[in-house]
Amino acid sequence: MSDATVRSRRASLALCAALLAACVVAPAAADEYKIGVLHVERIMQQSAPAKAAHDRLEQEFKARDADIAKKEQEVREARAQLEKVSATLPVDERTTRERALETRTREVQRLREQFAEDLRARQFQELDKLKERLDRVLTNYAKERNYDLILQDALYVGRSVDITDDIIKALGQ
């Protein structure tokens, strides 16, 4: 083999080695993703919109809850009063009072159940609003900062990928 042939083969081998190295390095560069992780529970507890929703619900249902609590207390007092005097009452009157008390008890229980159901429905409405807002804020945040992936509630999250505080601040604006 001549020197030219040897040099040509070495050049070809060097070119192949360079191409092979480029093929190996290119996927490694493509594997660099920007990932963020957030804790939804913290957002639901600490963000300004979540606190505002909680305050709205509390204000909306406060009077109704107090009214039901007052009626529950009245039923307890009536029950205690009936127990005190039941031994001295004629059977007919005691039975009539017991029935009336049971009717009041069921009515108050129904009011409490209806209250709980209404509260739950309003909580879901507020939660839906908050989640819609969170989705918008999160999408904008990800686009503005070129995130490839945002996850929620991971088992372990390093400080470098935790974006919860940033999202809480963004929700407050």
C-alpha atoms as a PDB file:
ATOM      1  CA  MET A   1       0.000   0.000   0.000  1.00  0.00           C
ATOM      2  CA  SER A   2       1.171   3.435  -0.833  1.00  0.00           C
ATOM      3  CA  ASP A   3       1.431   6.355   1.539  1.00  0.00           C
ATOM      4  CA  ALA A   4      -1.454   8.059  -0.232  1.00  0.00           C
ATOM      5  CA  THR A   5      -3.687   5.030   0.277  1.00  0.00           C
ATOM      6  CA  VAL A   6      -2.747   4.780   3.962  1.00  0.00           C
ATOM      7  CA  ARG A   7      -3.407   8.483   4.464  1.00  0.00           C
ATOM      8  CA  SER A   8      -6.716   8.182   2.633  1.00  0.00           C
ATOM      9  CA  ARG A   9      -7.771   5.276   4.819  1.00  0.00           C
ATOM     10  CA  ARG A  10      -6.707   7.128   7.982  1.00  0.00           C
ATOM     11  CA  ALA A  11      -8.637  10.176   6.847  1.00  0.00           C
ATOM     12  CA  SER A  12     -11.668   8.001   6.148  1.00  0.00           C
ATOM     13  CA  LEU A  13     -11.368   6.354   9.560  1.00  0.00           C
ATOM     14  CA  ALA A  14     -10.983   9.746  11.249  1.00  0.00           C
ATOM     15  CA  LEU A  15     -14.055  11.027   9.405  1.00  0.00           C
ATOM     16  CA  CYS A  16     -16.039   7.940  10.426  1.00  0.00           C
ATOM     17  CA  ALA A  17     -14.894   8.342  14.036  1.00  0.00           C
ATOM     18  CA  ALA A  18     -15.909  12.019  14.004  1.00  0.00           C
ATOM     19  CA  LEU A  19     -19.337  11.164  12.545  1.00  0.00           C
ATOM     20  CA  LEU A  20     -19.804   8.400  15.078  1.00  0.00           C
ATOM     21  CA  ALA A  21     -18.865  10.757  17.922  1.00  0.00           C
ATOM     22  CA  ALA A  22     -21.308  13.357  16.583  1.00  0.00           C
ATOM     23  CA  CYS A  23     -24.066  10.725  16.490  1.00  0.00           C
ATOM     24  CA  VAL A  24     -23.382   9.810  20.112  1.00  0.00           C
ATOM     25  CA  VAL A  25     -23.160  13.422  21.354  1.00  0.00           C
ATOM     26  CA  ALA A  26     -26.247  14.720  19.477  1.00  0.00           C
ATOM     27  CA  PRO A  27     -28.785  12.586  21.372  1.00  0.00           C
ATOM     28  CA  ALA A  28     -27.156  13.531  24.673  1.00  0.00           C
ATOM     29  CA  ALA A  29     -27.674  17.211  23.891  1.00  0.00           C
ATOM     30  CA  ALA A  30     -31.294  16.534  22.953  1.00  0.00           C
ATOM     31  CA  ASP A  31     -31.849  14.844  26.327  1.00  0.00           C
ATOM     32  CA  GLU A  32     -31.496  18.140  28.224  1.00  0.00           C
ATOM     33  CA  TYR A  33     -35.039  19.037  29.164  1.00  0.00           C
ATOM     34  CA  LYS A  34     -36.304  21.796  31.379  1.00  0.00           C
ATOM     35  CA  ILE A  35     -38.581  20.211  33.967  1.00  0.00           C
ATOM     36  CA  GLY A  36     -40.548  21.808  36.777  1.00  0.00           C
ATOM     37  CA  VAL A  37     -42.465  20.236  39.637  1.00  0.00           C
ATOM     38  CA  LEU A  38     -45.172  21.818  41.759  1.00  0.00           C
ATOM     39  CA  HIS A  39     -47.051  20.856  44.885  1.00  0.00           C
ATOM     40  CA  VAL A  40     -50.744  21.427  44.261  1.00  0.00           C
ATOM     41  CA  GLU A  41     -51.680  21.021  47.929  1.00  0.00           C
ATOM     42  CA  ARG A  42     -49.354  23.882  48.918  1.00  0.00           C
ATOM     43  CA  ILE A  43     -50.816  26.025  46.167  1.00  0.00           C
ATOM     44  CA  MET A  44     -54.340  25.279  47.398  1.00  0.00           C
ATOM     45  CA  GLN A  45     -53.375  26.266  50.933  1.00  0.00           C
ATOM     46  CA  GLN A  46     -51.011  29.189  50.424  1.00  0.00           C
ATOM     47  CA  SER A  47     -52.018  31.023  47.249  1.00  0.00           C
ATOM     48  CA  ALA A  48     -53.971  34.257  47.483  1.00  0.00           C
ATOM     49  CA  PRO A  49     -56.840  33.027  45.250  1.00  0.00           C
ATOM     50  CA  ALA A  50     -57.241  29.880  47.364  1.00  0.00           C
ATOM     51  CA  LYS A  51     -57.339  31.915  50.563  1.00  0.00           C
ATOM     52  CA  ALA A  52     -59.826  34.332  48.986  1.00  0.00           C
ATOM     53  CA  ALA A  53     -62.058  31.436  47.921  1.00  0.00           C
ATOM     54  CA  HIS A  54     -61.924  30.020  51.442  1.00  0.00           C
ATOM     55  CA  ASP A  55     -62.860  33.401  52.912  1.00  0.00           C
ATOM     56  CA  ARG A  56     -65.746  33.806  50.434  1.00  0.00           C
ATOM     57  CA  LEU A  57     -67.137  30.392  51.340  1.00  0.00           C
ATOM     58  CA  GLU A  58     -66.761  31.037  55.041  1.00  0.00           C
ATOM     59  CA  GLN A  59     -68.562  34.361  54.751  1.00  0.00           C
ATOM     60  CA  GLU A  60     -71.285  32.890  52.547  1.00  0.00           C
ATOM     61  CA  PHE A  61     -72.075  29.970  54.854  1.00  0.00           C
ATOM     62  CA  LYS A  62     -71.277  31.486  58.247  1.00  0.00           C
ATOM     63  CA  ALA A  63     -74.789  32.714  59.114  1.00  0.00           C
ATOM     64  CA  ARG A  64     -76.457  29.528  57.928  1.00  0.00           C
ATOM     65  CA  ASP A  65     -74.053  27.380  59.954  1.00  0.00           C
ATOM     66  CA  ALA A  66     -74.664  29.487  63.059  1.00  0.00           C
ATOM     67  CA  ASP A  67     -78.435  29.180  62.581  1.00  0.00           C
ATOM     68  CA  ILE A  68     -78.233  25.399  62.305  1.00  0.00           C
ATOM     69  CA  ALA A  69     -75.916  25.206  65.321  1.00  0.00           C
ATOM     70  CA  LYS A  70     -78.441  27.256  67.296  1.00  0.00           C
ATOM     71  CA  LYS A  71     -81.245  24.865  66.316  1.00  0.00           C
ATOM     72  CA  GLU A  72     -79.082  21.868  67.262  1.00  0.00           C
ATOM     73  CA  GLN A  73     -78.460  23.426  70.674  1.00  0.00           C
ATOM     74  CA  GLU A  74     -82.202  24.049  71.113  1.00  0.00           C
ATOM     75  CA  VAL A  75     -82.930  20.390  70.330  1.00  0.00           C
ATOM     76  CA  ARG A  76     -80.295  19.248  72.860  1.00  0.00           C
ATOM     77  CA  GLU A  77     -81.792  21.530  75.506  1.00  0.00           C
ATOM     78  CA  ALA A  78     -85.312  20.317  74.710  1.00  0.00           C
ATOM     79  CA  ARG A  79     -84.128  16.709  74.969  1.00  0.00           C
ATOM     80  CA  ALA A  80     -82.469  17.394  78.330  1.00  0.00           C
ATOM     81  CA  GLN A  81     -85.633  19.146  79.578  1.00  0.00           C
ATOM     82  CA  LEU A  82     -87.813  16.249  78.443  1.00  0.00           C
ATOM     83  CA  GLU A  83     -85.552  13.746  80.196  1.00  0.00           C
ATOM     84  CA  LYS A  84     -85.864  15.740  83.431  1.00  0.00           C
ATOM     85  CA  VAL A  85     -89.653  15.868  83.411  1.00  0.00           C
ATOM     86  CA  SER A  86     -90.541  12.701  81.507  1.00  0.00           C
ATOM     87  CA  ALA A  87     -91.050  10.662  84.679  1.00  0.00           C
ATOM     88  CA  THR A  88     -93.676  13.107  85.933  1.00  0.00           C
ATOM     89  CA  LEU A  89     -95.601  13.428  82.650  1.00  0.00           C
ATOM     90  CA  PRO A  90     -98.626  11.380  81.689  1.00  0.00           C
ATOM     91  CA  VAL A  91     -97.822   8.724  79.071  1.00  0.00           C
ATOM     92  CA  ASP A  92     -99.807  10.459  76.296  1.00  0.00           C
ATOM     93  CA  GLU A  93     -98.125  13.822  76.818  1.00  0.00           C
ATOM     94  CA  ARG A  94     -94.662  12.234  77.095  1.00  0.00           C
ATOM     95  CA  THR A  95     -95.241  10.327  73.835  1.00  0.00           C
ATOM     96  CA  THR A  96     -96.450  13.501  72.091  1.00  0.00           C
ATOM     97  CA  ARG A  97     -93.408  15.471  73.272  1.00  0.00           C
ATOM     98  CA  GLU A  98     -91.030  12.669  72.254  1.00  0.00           C
ATOM     99  CA  ARG A  99     -92.541  12.565  68.764  1.00  0.00           C
ATOM    100  CA  ALA A 100     -92.314  16.340  68.432  1.00  0.00           C
ATOM    101  CA  LEU A 101     -88.699  16.223  69.585  1.00  0.00           C
ATOM    102  CA  GLU A 102     -87.880  13.445  67.095  1.00  0.00           C
ATOM    103  CA  THR A 103     -89.485  15.493  64.317  1.00  0.00           C
ATOM    104  CA  ARG A 104     -87.381  18.524  65.273  1.00  0.00           C
ATOM    105  CA  THR A 105     -84.258  16.354  65.495  1.00  0.00           C
ATOM    106  CA  ARG A 106     -84.829  14.939  61.994  1.00  0.00           C
ATOM    107  CA  GLU A 107     -85.498  18.435  60.632  1.00  0.00           C
ATOM    108  CA  VAL A 108     -82.257  19.768  62.108  1.00  0.00           C
ATOM    109  CA  GLN A 109     -80.341  16.737  60.782  1.00  0.00           C
ATOM    110  CA  ARG A 110     -81.843  17.334  57.346  1.00  0.00           C
ATOM    111  CA  LEU A 111     -80.810  21.004  57.539  1.00  0.00           C
ATOM    112  CA  ARG A 112     -77.262  20.005  58.525  1.00  0.00           C
ATOM    113  CA  GLU A 113     -77.041  17.468  55.675  1.00  0.00           C
ATOM    114  CA  GLN A 114     -78.386  20.005  53.174  1.00  0.00           C
ATOM    115  CA  PHE A 115     -75.895  22.550  54.481  1.00  0.00           C
ATOM    116  CA  ALA A 116     -73.022  20.103  54.057  1.00  0.00           C
ATOM    117  CA  GLU A 117     -74.158  19.240  50.536  1.00  0.00           C
ATOM    118  CA  ASP A 118     -74.488  22.904  49.535  1.00  0.00           C
ATOM    119  CA  LEU A 119     -71.107  23.719  51.036  1.00  0.00           C
ATOM    120  CA  ARG A 120     -69.482  20.814  49.206  1.00  0.00           C
ATOM    121  CA  ALA A 121     -71.041  21.926  45.907  1.00  0.00           C
ATOM    122  CA  ARG A 122     -69.774  25.487  46.375  1.00  0.00           C
ATOM    123  CA  GLN A 123     -66.330  24.209  47.343  1.00  0.00           C
ATOM    124  CA  PHE A 124     -66.195  22.253  44.089  1.00  0.00           C
ATOM    125  CA  GLN A 125     -67.255  25.361  42.150  1.00  0.00           C
ATOM    126  CA  GLU A 126     -64.528  27.423  43.759  1.00  0.00           C
ATOM    127  CA  LEU A 127     -62.007  24.633  43.246  1.00  0.00           C
ATOM    128  CA  ASP A 128     -62.901  24.430  39.560  1.00  0.00           C
ATOM    129  CA  LYS A 129     -62.388  28.184  39.181  1.00  0.00           C
ATOM    130  CA  LEU A 130     -59.061  27.961  40.963  1.00  0.00           C
ATOM    131  CA  LYS A 131     -57.913  25.028  38.833  1.00  0.00           C
ATOM    132  CA  GLU A 132     -58.840  26.883  35.635  1.00  0.00           C
ATOM    133  CA  ARG A 133     -56.824  29.863  36.786  1.00  0.00           C
ATOM    134  CA  LEU A 134     -53.945  27.629  37.829  1.00  0.00           C
ATOM    135  CA  ASP A 135     -53.955  25.975  34.402  1.00  0.00           C
ATOM    136  CA  ARG A 136     -53.767  29.375  32.662  1.00  0.00           C
ATOM    137  CA  VAL A 137     -51.019  30.668  34.949  1.00  0.00           C
ATOM    138  CA  LEU A 138     -49.069  27.435  34.696  1.00  0.00           C
ATOM    139  CA  THR A 139     -49.304  27.330  30.897  1.00  0.00           C
ATOM    140  CA  ASN A 140     -48.123  30.930  30.619  1.00  0.00           C
ATOM    141  CA  TYR A 141     -45.327  30.293  33.109  1.00  0.00           C
ATOM    142  CA  ALA A 142     -44.149  27.227  31.195  1.00  0.00           C
ATOM    143  CA  LYS A 143     -44.213  28.993  27.823  1.00  0.00           C
ATOM    144  CA  GLU A 144     -42.465  32.135  29.083  1.00  0.00           C
ATOM    145  CA  ARG A 145     -39.669  30.136  30.706  1.00  0.00           C
ATOM    146  CA  ASN A 146     -39.387  27.416  28.036  1.00  0.00           C
ATOM    147  CA  TYR A 147     -40.304  24.440  30.194  1.00  0.00           C
ATOM    148  CA  ASP A 148     -40.612  21.106  28.408  1.00  0.00           C
ATOM    149  CA  LEU A 149     -42.511  19.365  31.193  1.00  0.00           C
ATOM    150  CA  ILE A 150     -44.221  20.321  34.442  1.00  0.00           C
ATOM    151  CA  LEU A 151     -45.215  17.616  36.901  1.00  0.00           C
ATOM    152  CA  GLN A 152     -47.259  17.796  40.048  1.00  0.00           C
ATOM    153  CA  ASP A 153     -46.842  16.203  43.451  1.00  0.00           C
ATOM    154  CA  ALA A 154     -43.733  14.100  42.949  1.00  0.00           C
ATOM    155  CA  LEU A 155     -42.467  11.939  45.788  1.00  0.00           C
ATOM    156  CA  TYR A 156     -39.165  13.797  45.984  1.00  0.00           C
ATOM    157  CA  VAL A 157     -38.464  17.184  44.469  1.00  0.00           C
ATOM    158  CA  GLY A 158     -35.117  18.933  44.434  1.00  0.00           C
ATOM    159  CA  ARG A 159     -35.045  22.685  44.964  1.00  0.00           C
ATOM    160  CA  SER A 160     -33.758  23.264  41.436  1.00  0.00           C
ATOM    161  CA  VAL A 161     -36.980  21.971  39.844  1.00  0.00           C
ATOM    162  CA  ASP A 162     -39.563  23.011  42.476  1.00  0.00           C
ATOM    163  CA  ILE A 163     -41.613  25.847  40.959  1.00  0.00           C
ATOM    164  CA  THR A 164     -44.375  25.912  43.584  1.00  0.00           C
ATOM    165  CA  ASP A 165     -43.374  29.245  45.131  1.00  0.00           C
ATOM    166  CA  ASP A 166     -43.147  30.881  41.701  1.00  0.00           C
ATOM    167  CA  ILE A 167     -46.632  29.651  40.807  1.00  0.00           C
ATOM    168  CA  ILE A 168     -48.043  30.856  44.144  1.00  0.00           C
ATOM    169  CA  LYS A 169     -46.588  34.303  43.417  1.00  0.00           C
ATOM    170  CA  ALA A 170     -47.917  34.261  39.842  1.00  0.00           C
ATOM    171  CA  LEU A 171     -51.397  33.326  41.058  1.00  0.00           C
ATOM    172  CA  GLY A 172     -51.318  36.260  43.465  1.00  0.00           C
ATOM    173  CA  GLN A 173     -50.783  38.778  40.670  1.00  0.00           C
END
